[in-house]
Amino acid sequence: MAILHASATNFDSEVLQCSQTVLVDFYADWCGPCKMLTPVIEEIAAEHPEVKVVKLNVDNAPEIASRYGVMSIPTLIVFKNGQAANQSVGYTGKQGIVDML
């Protein structure tokens, strides 16, 4: 499944109102660990079509990052039924992310 790039305007509809599990990658373009995590996120999106994968640039949507207490990036949050169910901060390996799902 393709990775969706969310913004402040579509975050609620794409993440909170989604009936499937959603993995949100809070990142920034200038963040080294975020860049290292990108291929891992892409693999997960390709291998787990049942999970919606969303990237949110915290520089473009600081109010969303603040809403979920994102203080460091990369931060991954798994949403189930519109609620944050799991979270990891910093670089996380593929298996660690899959285990969160």
Protein backbone atom coordinates (compact mmCIF):
# COMPACT_ATOMS: atom_id res chain seq x y z
CA MET A 1 0.00 0.00 0.00
CA ALA A 2 1.23 3.50 -0.79
CA ILE A 3 2.36 5.77 2.00
CA LEU A 4 0.10 8.75 2.52
CA HIS A 5 1.55 12.13 3.45
CA ALA A 6 -0.83 13.72 5.94
CA SER A 7 -1.22 17.36 6.89
CA ALA A 8 -3.05 19.27 9.58
CA THR A 9 -6.05 19.55 7.26
CA ASN A 10 -6.49 15.83 6.55
CA PHE A 11 -5.03 14.17 9.67
CA ASP A 12 -8.36 13.62 11.41
CA SER A 13 -10.05 12.13 8.33
CA GLU A 14 -7.08 9.98 7.28
CA VAL A 15 -6.02 8.76 10.73
CA LEU A 16 -8.62 9.27 13.44
CA GLN A 17 -11.64 8.37 11.33
CA CYS A 18 -10.00 5.37 9.66
CA SER A 19 -11.40 1.93 10.53
CA GLN A 20 -8.11 0.11 9.93
CA THR A 21 -4.91 0.22 11.96
CA VAL A 22 -2.86 3.31 11.08
CA LEU A 23 0.89 3.71 11.59
CA VAL A 24 1.87 7.38 11.70
CA ASP A 25 5.51 8.37 11.22
CA PHE A 26 6.13 11.82 12.72
CA TYR A 27 9.27 13.06 10.95
CA ALA A 28 11.14 16.06 9.52
CA ASP A 29 13.12 16.34 6.29
CA TRP A 30 16.27 17.45 8.13
CA CYS A 31 16.22 14.53 10.63
CA GLY A 32 18.95 11.91 10.06
CA PRO A 33 17.30 9.06 12.01
CA CYS A 34 14.03 9.84 10.18
CA LYS A 35 15.82 9.31 6.86
CA MET A 36 17.23 6.01 8.15
CA LEU A 37 13.72 4.90 9.12
CA THR A 38 12.12 5.71 5.74
CA PRO A 39 13.11 2.46 3.95
CA VAL A 40 11.89 0.43 6.93
CA ILE A 41 8.53 2.24 6.86
CA GLU A 42 8.31 1.63 3.10
CA GLU A 43 8.93 -2.11 3.61
CA ILE A 44 6.23 -2.31 6.25
CA ALA A 45 3.77 -0.48 3.99
CA ALA A 46 4.51 -2.96 1.18
CA GLU A 47 4.36 -6.08 3.37
CA HIS A 48 1.33 -5.14 5.52
CA PRO A 49 -1.51 -3.95 3.27
CA GLU A 50 -3.91 -4.23 6.20
CA VAL A 51 -2.12 -1.29 7.85
CA LYS A 52 -2.47 2.26 6.57
CA VAL A 53 0.92 4.01 6.72
CA VAL A 54 0.94 7.78 7.09
CA LYS A 55 3.87 10.20 7.31
CA LEU A 56 3.41 13.57 8.99
CA ASN A 57 6.07 16.27 8.70
CA VAL A 58 6.18 17.92 12.15
CA ASP A 59 7.57 21.14 10.68
CA ASN A 60 4.41 21.50 8.59
CA ALA A 61 1.94 20.38 11.27
CA PRO A 62 3.36 21.27 14.70
CA GLU A 63 -0.13 21.42 16.23
CA ILE A 64 -0.71 17.72 15.44
CA ALA A 65 2.68 16.75 16.85
CA SER A 66 1.92 18.76 19.97
CA ARG A 67 -1.50 17.13 20.34
CA TYR A 68 0.20 13.73 20.66
CA GLY A 69 3.13 14.88 22.78
CA VAL A 70 5.74 14.35 20.07
CA MET A 71 8.89 15.90 21.50
CA SER A 72 11.52 13.92 19.56
CA ILE A 73 11.56 12.51 16.07
CA PRO A 74 11.18 10.06 14.59
CA THR A 75 8.14 9.10 16.62
CA LEU A 76 5.87 6.32 15.47
CA ILE A 77 2.32 6.08 16.80
CA VAL A 78 -0.07 3.24 16.02
CA PHE A 79 -3.73 4.29 15.96
CA LYS A 80 -6.54 1.78 16.35
CA ASN A 81 -10.15 2.94 16.09
CA GLY A 82 -8.97 6.55 16.20
CA GLN A 83 -7.04 6.13 19.43
CA ALA A 84 -3.27 6.07 19.97
CA ALA A 85 -2.55 2.45 20.94
CA ASN A 86 1.25 2.17 20.77
CA GLN A 87 4.21 4.49 20.41
CA SER A 88 7.96 4.42 19.90
CA VAL A 89 10.46 7.26 19.88
CA GLY A 90 13.72 7.22 17.95
CA TYR A 91 14.91 4.77 15.34
CA THR A 92 13.14 1.42 15.69
CA GLY A 93 13.98 -1.68 13.70
CA LYS A 94 11.48 -3.40 11.43
CA GLN A 95 10.57 -6.19 13.86
CA GLY A 96 10.01 -3.70 16.67
CA ILE A 97 7.58 -1.77 14.49
CA VAL A 98 5.76 -4.91 13.36
CA ASP A 99 5.42 -5.97 17.00
CA MET A 100 3.76 -2.59 17.78
CA LEU A 101 1.13 -3.21 15.11
